[in-house]
């Protein structure tokens, strides 16, 4: 058996290439949008990708099933009952796919979504199960949330009950030594308590996973529904796009270069400029109206919070990273990248009139400002789990994923200071506010960590905000 796990850290995504080296037959499970790595690895080891298996309609990324099908002629398969506007070869519960000695067995495991499946892997016919690809049904340390918008028409309670039965009737019946390979890891918004581990076993999960502890079905429903965050803005778009035929993505094609005049015209026409440089470099000088989402973090995920799926996008990057920016946006289906600027420092030096600088203030300076100016707005853009450890007194809790939807709760005529944990998200938030007409915006240098380290006062969150990521982010 050939088995390879691919980890895409910026989206907390795992995908898989499984093949039988004696026959050369192979499948890819839950592929990311840029598929070159699967094609290259299959060619290197002499495998033919004949099927793409999707464990469900993903909401957090746009999958590469259509790209792989076009490149290899592979069939695209979902669980039974899945409906799409492109040809699919559905896999019913109990279906066995024989690649040679390697056998894959499909188990219907609805709950995260109605069509969710898991794939049991047998290294040799008639052997004990070698492993199971659990999609978003079972994570390491967690289970799939049952409340995402991808499951329109089902209540969270209905799906949670189906999830309980899927776990107990279809997955926990596997031998304890069966390896567990999920579709996501820590940081994904598809769950709330995922581990950093890349694999586990059924026995280990039965012993350590909070959602698999002995409990009634009613208790399970309550525990998996509570504490879940509202889905990020782009999730509904990505889930719908995965059901539809769309243009194929070339992950080697760079975005076209744009000059300053063309970018400014695009801005006037409604395009958003996303600057992928680090927050520190961005603060030292950037194009007026640009939004900072650093490529050195969860770039696509946060870009999905500050841009609309149909909005035209211009990217600003360091030289050589413009194609990377385009690829990472395409992974969530944001394909409308109309151009790139890679020499922004030279442009700003030649045209200082269009440059802005960021305001990053030490925590002590913000504390003084806060005590002297009752007109100051302080905004905490962290997620609720982080805020439980304390917030800056009087801060408004507007988690970053909800900021674009809640701008009208802030007063653009008053000064604003934003903070996150360490500075990444506050740079995104501050630049987004400036782009929407907030003139006096500053950040807390070093974020809440710096505020706390300085011994400045904190208080408990008075108005919990449930619209954030379920896990901590930088």
Protein backbone atom coordinates (compact mmCIF):
# COMPACT_ATOMS: atom_id res chain seq x y z
CA UNK A 1 0.00 0.00 0.00
CA UNK A 2 1.08 3.54 -0.76
CA UNK A 3 -0.33 6.02 1.75
CA UNK A 4 0.54 9.68 2.02
CA UNK A 5 -0.99 12.35 4.23
CA UNK A 6 -0.73 15.98 3.08
CA UNK A 7 -0.98 18.74 5.66
CA UNK A 8 -1.93 22.28 4.68
CA UNK A 9 -1.27 24.20 7.89
CA UNK A 10 -2.73 27.55 6.86
CA UNK A 11 -6.17 25.93 6.52
CA UNK A 12 -5.63 23.08 9.02
CA UNK A 13 -6.42 20.65 6.20
CA UNK A 14 -5.39 17.01 5.75
CA UNK A 15 -5.77 15.22 2.43
CA UNK A 16 -4.66 11.78 1.31
CA UNK A 17 -3.27 9.77 -1.62
CA UNK A 18 -3.85 6.02 -1.29
CA UNK A 19 -2.78 3.44 -3.85
CA UNK A 20 -1.92 -0.18 -4.50
CA UNK A 21 1.62 -0.39 -5.84
CA UNK A 22 1.00 -3.82 -7.39
CA UNK A 23 -1.79 -2.55 -9.65
CA UNK A 24 -0.97 1.16 -9.82
CA UNK A 25 -4.55 2.11 -8.94
CA UNK A 26 -5.05 5.03 -6.56
CA UNK A 27 -7.54 7.49 -5.06
CA UNK A 28 -7.22 10.94 -3.55
CA UNK A 29 -9.39 11.88 -0.57
CA UNK A 30 -10.44 15.45 0.27
CA UNK A 31 -7.95 17.24 -2.03
CA UNK A 32 -7.08 20.91 -1.75
CA UNK A 33 -7.72 23.17 -4.77
CA UNK A 34 -4.11 23.23 -6.04
CA UNK A 35 -3.55 19.62 -7.09
CA UNK A 36 -0.03 19.58 -8.54
CA UNK A 37 1.43 17.71 -5.56
CA UNK A 38 -0.94 14.75 -5.93
CA UNK A 39 -0.23 14.47 -9.65
CA UNK A 40 3.53 14.70 -9.14
CA UNK A 41 3.61 12.13 -6.33
CA UNK A 42 1.38 9.70 -8.21
CA UNK A 43 3.61 9.93 -11.27
CA UNK A 44 6.76 9.45 -9.19
CA UNK A 45 5.57 6.18 -7.65
CA UNK A 46 3.72 4.94 -10.74
CA UNK A 47 0.14 5.35 -9.58
CA UNK A 48 -2.95 6.22 -11.64
CA UNK A 49 -5.48 8.38 -9.81
CA UNK A 50 -8.81 6.85 -10.83
CA UNK A 51 -11.13 8.32 -8.22
CA UNK A 52 -11.49 11.41 -6.04
CA UNK A 53 -13.41 10.72 -2.84
CA UNK A 54 -14.91 13.64 -0.95
CA UNK A 55 -16.00 12.79 2.57
CA UNK A 56 -18.58 15.61 2.39
CA UNK A 57 -19.22 19.01 0.83
CA UNK A 58 -16.54 21.08 2.50
CA UNK A 59 -17.36 24.57 3.78
CA UNK A 60 -13.92 25.82 4.78
CA UNK A 61 -12.12 25.38 1.46
CA UNK A 62 -12.83 24.84 -2.22
CA UNK A 63 -11.81 21.30 -3.04
CA UNK A 64 -9.73 20.14 -6.00
CA UNK A 65 -12.05 17.39 -7.22
CA UNK A 66 -12.80 19.06 -10.54
CA UNK A 67 -9.13 19.87 -11.18
CA UNK A 68 -8.09 16.27 -10.50
CA UNK A 69 -10.91 14.86 -12.60
CA UNK A 70 -9.89 17.06 -15.53
CA UNK A 71 -6.21 16.12 -15.20
CA UNK A 72 -6.66 12.36 -14.76
CA UNK A 73 -10.15 11.38 -15.92
CA UNK A 74 -10.90 10.25 -12.37
CA UNK A 75 -14.46 9.76 -11.16
CA UNK A 76 -15.65 12.08 -8.39
CA UNK A 77 -17.45 10.40 -5.50
CA UNK A 78 -19.45 11.60 -2.53
CA UNK A 79 -21.69 9.75 -0.13
CA UNK A 80 -25.06 8.49 -1.25
CA UNK A 81 -27.63 11.27 -1.47
CA UNK A 82 -25.15 13.99 -2.36
CA UNK A 83 -26.36 16.28 -5.17
CA UNK A 84 -24.11 18.37 -7.39
CA UNK A 85 -24.36 19.99 -10.82
CA UNK A 86 -21.42 17.96 -12.16
CA UNK A 87 -21.25 14.17 -12.63
CA UNK A 88 -20.63 12.20 -9.45
CA UNK A 89 -20.36 8.47 -8.78
CA UNK A 90 -22.06 8.12 -5.38
CA UNK A 91 -20.77 5.63 -2.83
CA UNK A 92 -23.39 3.82 -0.79
CA UNK A 93 -22.85 2.63 2.75
CA UNK A 94 -20.85 -0.61 2.67
CA UNK A 95 -19.37 -0.12 -0.80
CA UNK A 96 -15.95 -1.76 -1.14
CA UNK A 97 -13.45 -0.37 -3.63
CA UNK A 98 -10.73 -2.87 -4.47
CA UNK A 99 -7.56 -1.21 -5.73
CA UNK A 100 -5.74 -4.57 -5.68
CA UNK A 101 -4.73 -5.97 -2.33
CA UNK A 102 -5.62 -2.57 -0.88
CA UNK A 103 -9.35 -2.26 -0.21
CA UNK A 104 -11.39 0.80 0.78
CA UNK A 105 -14.73 0.39 2.54
CA UNK A 106 -17.22 3.26 2.65
CA UNK A 107 -19.20 3.86 5.81
CA UNK A 108 -21.99 6.43 5.86
CA UNK A 109 -21.32 8.68 8.86
CA UNK A 110 -23.77 11.61 8.64
CA UNK A 111 -23.84 14.28 11.30
CA UNK A 112 -21.37 16.98 10.37
CA UNK A 113 -23.30 17.07 7.10
CA UNK A 114 -26.05 14.74 5.87
CA UNK A 115 -23.88 13.15 3.16
CA UNK A 116 -20.74 12.63 5.26
CA UNK A 117 -18.84 9.38 4.85
CA UNK A 118 -15.74 7.77 6.33
CA UNK A 119 -13.36 5.48 4.45
CA UNK A 120 -11.96 2.38 6.14
CA UNK A 121 -8.60 1.31 4.69
CA UNK A 122 -7.51 -2.34 4.51
CA UNK A 123 -3.87 -2.89 3.61
CA UNK A 124 -4.67 -6.40 2.42
CA UNK A 125 -7.92 -8.19 1.67
CA UNK A 126 -9.53 -9.93 4.65
CA UNK A 127 -7.10 -8.31 7.07
CA UNK A 128 -8.04 -6.22 10.09
CA UNK A 129 -8.70 -2.55 9.23
CA UNK A 130 -5.42 -0.64 8.89
CA UNK A 131 -6.91 2.82 9.29
CA UNK A 132 -9.93 5.02 8.71
CA UNK A 133 -10.24 8.40 7.04
CA UNK A 134 -12.89 10.08 9.15
CA UNK A 135 -13.42 13.34 7.23
CA UNK A 136 -15.12 15.83 9.53
CA UNK A 137 -17.01 13.16 11.49
CA UNK A 138 -14.26 12.35 13.99
CA UNK A 139 -11.28 14.59 14.68
CA UNK A 140 -8.37 13.98 16.99
CA UNK A 141 -9.75 15.31 20.25
CA UNK A 142 -13.08 16.42 18.84
CA UNK A 143 -15.96 15.62 16.50
CA UNK A 144 -17.42 17.56 13.59
CA UNK A 145 -19.72 20.41 14.47
CA UNK A 146 -23.34 19.79 13.40
CA UNK A 147 -24.42 23.40 12.87
CA UNK A 148 -22.70 24.70 9.75
CA UNK A 149 -24.60 26.46 6.98
CA UNK A 150 -23.59 23.68 4.58
CA UNK A 151 -26.42 21.66 6.10
CA UNK A 152 -29.34 23.92 5.27
CA UNK A 153 -32.62 22.13 5.94
CA UNK A 154 -31.36 20.29 9.02
CA UNK A 155 -31.34 21.55 12.57
CA UNK A 156 -28.15 21.23 14.63
CA UNK A 157 -30.01 18.89 16.98
CA UNK A 158 -31.06 16.56 14.16
CA UNK A 159 -27.54 16.35 12.79
CA UNK A 160 -26.03 15.96 16.26
CA UNK A 161 -28.22 12.89 16.83
CA UNK A 162 -27.13 11.42 13.51
CA UNK A 163 -23.52 12.19 14.44
CA UNK A 164 -23.90 10.32 17.73
CA UNK A 165 -25.16 7.22 15.94
CA UNK A 166 -22.48 7.46 13.24
CA UNK A 167 -19.73 7.60 15.85
CA UNK A 168 -21.06 4.75 17.97
CA UNK A 169 -22.43 2.48 15.24
CA UNK A 170 -19.90 3.02 12.45
CA UNK A 171 -16.57 4.21 13.87
CA UNK A 172 -16.26 3.06 17.47
CA UNK A 173 -17.03 -0.49 16.31
CA UNK A 174 -13.64 -0.57 14.57
CA UNK A 175 -10.74 -2.30 16.38
CA UNK A 176 -8.94 -0.15 18.95
CA UNK A 177 -5.67 -0.20 16.99
CA UNK A 178 -7.28 1.21 13.82
CA UNK A 179 -5.45 4.38 12.83
CA UNK A 180 -7.55 7.57 12.65
CA UNK A 181 -6.84 10.13 9.92
CA UNK A 182 -9.19 13.17 9.95
CA UNK A 183 -9.71 15.90 7.36
CA UNK A 184 -8.75 18.74 9.74
CA UNK A 185 -6.53 19.56 12.67
CA UNK A 186 -6.06 22.28 15.28
CA UNK A 187 -7.11 25.74 14.13
CA UNK A 188 -9.98 24.66 11.92
CA UNK A 189 -13.37 26.25 12.51
CA UNK A 190 -15.03 22.89 11.75
CA UNK A 191 -14.66 21.93 15.41
CA UNK A 192 -13.82 23.50 18.75
CA UNK A 193 -11.20 21.32 20.47
CA UNK A 194 -8.96 19.68 17.89
CA UNK A 195 -5.51 18.35 18.68
CA UNK A 196 -2.24 19.28 16.95
CA UNK A 197 -1.63 15.58 16.29
CA UNK A 198 -1.76 14.31 12.72
CA UNK A 199 -3.00 10.78 13.50
CA UNK A 200 -4.44 8.76 16.35
CA UNK A 201 -6.22 5.45 16.92
CA UNK A 202 -9.81 4.48 17.66
CA UNK A 203 -8.74 3.25 21.09
CA UNK A 204 -6.94 6.47 21.94
CA UNK A 205 -9.91 8.57 20.86
CA UNK A 206 -12.33 6.43 22.82
CA UNK A 207 -10.21 7.06 25.91
CA UNK A 208 -9.39 10.76 25.49
CA UNK A 209 -11.91 12.49 23.20
CA UNK A 210 -14.42 14.48 25.29
CA UNK A 211 -17.24 13.79 22.81
CA UNK A 212 -16.72 10.02 23.00
CA UNK A 213 -16.90 9.79 26.77
CA UNK A 214 -19.78 7.60 28.03
CA UNK A 215 -22.92 9.72 27.85
CA UNK A 216 -26.47 9.56 26.61
CA UNK A 217 -27.47 10.76 23.19
CA UNK A 218 -29.20 13.77 24.73
CA UNK A 219 -26.07 14.70 26.66
CA UNK A 220 -23.97 14.31 23.51
CA UNK A 221 -26.27 16.64 21.58
CA UNK A 222 -25.88 19.31 24.23
CA UNK A 223 -22.10 19.03 24.55
CA UNK A 224 -21.32 19.15 20.81
CA UNK A 225 -23.66 22.05 20.06
CA UNK A 226 -22.62 24.33 22.90
CA UNK A 227 -19.56 26.51 22.48
CA UNK A 228 -19.45 26.40 18.69
CA UNK A 229 -18.59 29.60 16.85
CA UNK A 230 -20.67 31.14 14.09
CA UNK A 231 -19.29 30.03 10.73
CA UNK A 232 -16.78 32.41 9.10
CA UNK A 233 -18.21 34.66 6.41
CA UNK A 234 -16.99 32.68 3.41
CA UNK A 235 -18.15 29.23 4.61
CA UNK A 236 -21.57 29.33 2.97
CA UNK A 237 -19.99 30.45 -0.30
CA UNK A 238 -17.38 27.67 -0.27
CA UNK A 239 -19.93 24.99 0.62
CA UNK A 240 -22.16 26.05 -2.24
CA UNK A 241 -19.24 26.33 -4.67
CA UNK A 242 -18.17 22.75 -3.92
CA UNK A 243 -21.54 21.58 -5.25
CA UNK A 244 -21.19 23.45 -8.52
CA UNK A 245 -19.16 23.22 -11.69
CA UNK A 246 -16.68 26.06 -11.79
CA UNK A 247 -13.66 27.05 -13.81
CA UNK A 248 -10.52 25.00 -13.31
CA UNK A 249 -7.64 26.52 -11.39
CA UNK A 250 -4.03 26.57 -12.62
CA UNK A 251 -1.83 26.76 -9.53
CA UNK A 252 1.25 27.86 -11.50
CA UNK A 253 -0.19 30.96 -13.16
CA UNK A 254 0.86 34.26 -11.53
CA UNK A 255 -1.52 37.21 -11.30
CA UNK A 256 -0.85 39.98 -13.84
CA UNK A 257 1.30 42.91 -12.74
CA UNK A 258 -0.57 46.19 -12.17
CA UNK A 259 0.74 49.74 -11.95
CA UNK A 260 -0.35 52.35 -9.45
CA UNK A 261 -2.81 54.08 -11.75
CA UNK A 262 -4.62 50.82 -12.55
CA UNK A 263 -4.76 49.86 -8.87
CA UNK A 264 -6.21 53.20 -7.82
CA UNK A 265 -8.85 52.92 -10.53
CA UNK A 266 -9.68 49.41 -9.37
CA UNK A 267 -10.07 50.71 -5.81
CA UNK A 268 -12.47 53.41 -7.01
CA UNK A 269 -14.42 50.69 -8.81
CA UNK A 270 -14.81 48.66 -5.63
CA UNK A 271 -11.80 46.35 -5.61
CA UNK A 272 -10.10 45.52 -2.32
CA UNK A 273 -6.31 45.71 -2.05
CA UNK A 274 -4.88 43.03 0.24
CA UNK A 275 -1.32 43.65 1.38
CA UNK A 276 0.32 40.36 2.32
CA UNK A 277 3.43 41.78 3.94
CA UNK A 278 4.11 41.45 7.66
CA UNK A 279 2.25 43.75 10.08
CA UNK A 280 5.51 45.46 11.02
CA UNK A 281 6.43 46.23 7.41
CA UNK A 282 2.86 47.24 6.59
CA UNK A 283 2.80 49.69 9.51
CA UNK A 284 5.98 51.38 8.24
CA UNK A 285 4.25 52.37 4.99
CA UNK A 286 1.47 51.08 2.76
CA UNK A 287 -0.86 52.10 -0.04
CA UNK A 288 -3.81 54.11 1.24
CA UNK A 289 -6.88 51.92 1.57
CA UNK A 290 -4.98 48.60 1.59
CA UNK A 291 -5.97 45.89 4.08
CA UNK A 292 -3.15 43.98 5.77
CA UNK A 293 -3.50 40.18 5.82
CA UNK A 294 -0.03 38.75 6.18
CA UNK A 295 0.98 35.75 4.10
CA UNK A 296 2.88 34.52 7.13
CA UNK A 297 -0.36 33.63 8.93
CA UNK A 298 -3.75 32.12 8.07
CA UNK A 299 -3.92 34.33 5.00
CA UNK A 300 -6.87 32.84 3.10
CA UNK A 301 -9.00 32.39 6.20
CA UNK A 302 -8.69 36.03 7.25
CA UNK A 303 -8.90 37.32 3.69
CA UNK A 304 -12.28 35.59 3.67
CA UNK A 305 -13.28 37.87 6.56
CA UNK A 306 -12.30 41.16 4.91
CA UNK A 307 -13.28 40.57 1.26
CA UNK A 308 -16.45 39.35 -0.41
CA UNK A 309 -16.32 36.26 -2.66
CA UNK A 310 -17.32 38.22 -5.77
CA UNK A 311 -15.13 41.23 -5.01
CA UNK A 312 -12.18 41.99 -7.25
CA UNK A 313 -8.87 41.67 -5.42
CA UNK A 314 -5.43 43.20 -5.94
CA UNK A 315 -2.61 41.63 -3.95
CA UNK A 316 0.51 43.37 -2.71
CA UNK A 317 3.36 41.03 -1.76
CA UNK A 318 7.08 40.77 -1.42
CA UNK A 319 8.75 39.87 -4.70
CA UNK A 320 8.18 36.24 -5.59
CA UNK A 321 5.11 35.68 -3.41
CA UNK A 322 2.40 37.00 -5.71
CA UNK A 323 1.53 33.55 -7.10
CA UNK A 324 1.41 32.16 -3.58
CA UNK A 325 -1.14 34.83 -2.65
CA UNK A 326 -3.29 33.99 -5.67
CA UNK A 327 -3.14 30.25 -4.91
CA UNK A 328 -4.04 30.69 -1.27
CA UNK A 329 -7.05 32.86 -2.12
CA UNK A 330 -8.16 30.30 -4.69
CA UNK A 331 -8.16 27.64 -1.98
CA UNK A 332 -11.28 29.28 -0.53
CA UNK A 333 -12.73 30.05 -3.96
CA UNK A 334 -11.71 33.71 -4.14
CA UNK A 335 -10.63 33.59 -7.76
CA UNK A 336 -11.13 37.20 -8.78
CA UNK A 337 -7.51 38.29 -8.29
CA UNK A 338 -7.11 40.89 -11.04
CA UNK A 339 -3.50 41.83 -10.42
CA UNK A 340 -0.49 42.21 -8.17
CA UNK A 341 2.01 44.84 -7.06
CA UNK A 342 5.38 43.58 -5.80
CA UNK A 343 7.47 46.76 -5.68
CA UNK A 344 5.23 48.75 -3.35
CA UNK A 345 8.16 50.29 -1.41
CA UNK A 346 9.48 51.87 -4.60
CA UNK A 347 6.02 53.06 -5.57
CA UNK A 348 5.48 54.66 -2.17
CA UNK A 349 8.89 56.33 -2.28
CA UNK A 350 8.03 57.84 -5.66
CA UNK A 351 4.49 58.83 -4.60
CA UNK A 352 4.53 59.73 -0.89
CA UNK A 353 1.19 61.44 -1.25
CA UNK A 354 -0.60 58.07 -1.51
CA UNK A 355 1.22 56.45 1.42
CA UNK A 356 -0.13 55.75 4.90
CA UNK A 357 1.60 54.54 8.02
CA UNK A 358 0.11 52.47 10.79
CA UNK A 359 -0.09 53.54 14.41
CA UNK A 360 1.16 50.84 16.80
CA UNK A 361 1.24 52.08 20.39
CA UNK A 362 2.80 50.50 23.49
CA UNK A 363 0.26 49.18 25.95
CA UNK A 364 1.30 51.78 28.54
CA UNK A 365 0.56 54.62 26.11
CA UNK A 366 -2.88 53.19 25.35
CA UNK A 367 -3.58 52.89 29.09
CA UNK A 368 -2.81 56.59 29.56
CA UNK A 369 -4.90 57.54 26.52
CA UNK A 370 -7.79 55.44 27.81
CA UNK A 371 -7.70 57.15 31.21
CA UNK A 372 -7.57 60.66 29.72
CA UNK A 373 -10.02 60.38 26.79
CA UNK A 374 -13.51 59.00 27.48
CA UNK A 375 -14.19 59.33 23.75
CA UNK A 376 -11.71 56.55 22.92
CA UNK A 377 -13.15 53.30 21.58
CA UNK A 378 -11.19 50.13 22.41
CA UNK A 379 -12.04 47.05 20.36
CA UNK A 380 -11.04 43.48 21.22
CA UNK A 381 -10.94 41.36 18.04
CA UNK A 382 -9.96 38.09 19.73
CA UNK A 383 -12.24 35.07 20.01
CA UNK A 384 -14.43 34.33 23.05
CA UNK A 385 -12.20 31.59 24.47
CA UNK A 386 -9.32 34.06 24.65
CA UNK A 387 -11.51 36.79 26.12
CA UNK A 388 -12.49 34.58 29.05
CA UNK A 389 -9.00 35.13 30.45
CA UNK A 390 -9.67 38.87 30.62
CA UNK A 391 -10.14 41.93 28.45
CA UNK A 392 -9.08 45.57 28.56
CA UNK A 393 -11.64 47.38 30.75
CA UNK A 394 -14.42 48.88 28.67
CA UNK A 395 -13.40 47.12 25.45
CA UNK A 396 -16.05 46.37 22.86
CA UNK A 397 -15.94 42.71 21.86
CA UNK A 398 -16.11 42.50 18.09
CA UNK A 399 -14.26 39.37 16.99
CA UNK A 400 -12.46 39.72 13.68
CA UNK A 401 -14.71 37.36 11.66
CA UNK A 402 -17.71 39.53 12.53
CA UNK A 403 -16.07 42.95 12.12
CA UNK A 404 -17.10 43.52 8.51
CA UNK A 405 -20.73 42.78 9.43
CA UNK A 406 -20.68 45.01 12.54
CA UNK A 407 -18.95 48.19 11.40
CA UNK A 408 -22.08 50.17 12.14
CA UNK A 409 -21.64 49.44 15.87
CA UNK A 410 -18.49 51.60 15.88
CA UNK A 411 -18.28 55.37 15.50
CA UNK A 412 -15.95 56.45 12.68
CA UNK A 413 -15.79 59.98 14.14
CA UNK A 414 -14.19 58.76 17.38
CA UNK A 415 -10.65 57.40 17.78
CA UNK A 416 -10.29 53.62 17.95
CA UNK A 417 -7.62 51.33 19.37
CA UNK A 418 -7.83 47.65 18.42
CA UNK A 419 -6.00 44.71 19.92
CA UNK A 420 -5.78 40.94 19.50
CA UNK A 421 -3.47 38.47 21.23
CA UNK A 422 -0.15 39.44 19.68
CA UNK A 423 -0.62 41.77 16.71
CA UNK A 424 -1.55 39.79 13.57
CA UNK A 425 -5.32 40.16 13.72
CA UNK A 426 -5.21 43.72 15.03
CA UNK A 427 -3.32 44.77 11.91
CA UNK A 428 -6.02 43.15 9.78
CA UNK A 429 -8.74 44.87 11.80
CA UNK A 430 -7.11 48.31 11.93
CA UNK A 431 -6.46 48.38 8.20
CA UNK A 432 -10.00 47.19 7.47
CA UNK A 433 -11.38 50.03 9.59
CA UNK A 434 -9.24 52.58 7.75
CA UNK A 435 -10.36 51.16 4.42
CA UNK A 436 -13.96 51.77 5.51
CA UNK A 437 -13.42 55.40 6.47
CA UNK A 438 -12.30 55.25 10.11
CA UNK A 439 -9.60 57.90 10.19
CA UNK A 440 -8.08 57.65 13.69
CA UNK A 441 -7.16 54.00 14.23
CA UNK A 442 -4.30 52.56 16.28
CA UNK A 443 -3.22 49.13 17.51
CA UNK A 444 -1.85 47.91 20.81
CA UNK A 445 1.74 46.89 20.08
CA UNK A 446 2.08 43.27 21.17
CA UNK A 447 -1.65 42.93 21.77
CA UNK A 448 -3.30 41.72 24.95
CA UNK A 449 -0.21 39.68 25.78
CA UNK A 450 1.76 42.92 26.09
CA UNK A 451 -1.04 44.60 28.05
CA UNK A 452 -1.13 41.72 30.53
CA UNK A 453 2.67 41.50 30.77
CA UNK A 454 2.78 45.20 31.67
CA UNK A 455 0.53 44.53 34.66
CA UNK A 456 -2.23 46.79 33.35
CA UNK A 457 -5.79 46.27 34.65
CA UNK A 458 -8.15 43.75 33.08
CA UNK A 459 -11.73 42.68 33.62
CA UNK A 460 -13.92 39.76 32.69
CA UNK A 461 -15.80 40.01 29.38
CA UNK A 462 -19.16 41.61 30.06
CA UNK A 463 -20.70 40.83 26.66
CA UNK A 464 -19.44 37.52 25.29
CA UNK A 465 -19.15 37.56 21.51
CA UNK A 466 -20.06 34.23 19.92
CA UNK A 467 -19.14 35.14 16.36
CA UNK A 468 -15.47 34.22 16.44
CA UNK A 469 -13.20 31.29 15.64
CA UNK A 470 -13.50 28.35 17.96
CA UNK A 471 -9.72 28.10 18.39
CA UNK A 472 -7.01 30.56 19.22
CA UNK A 473 -5.21 32.33 16.40
CA UNK A 474 -2.06 34.43 16.30
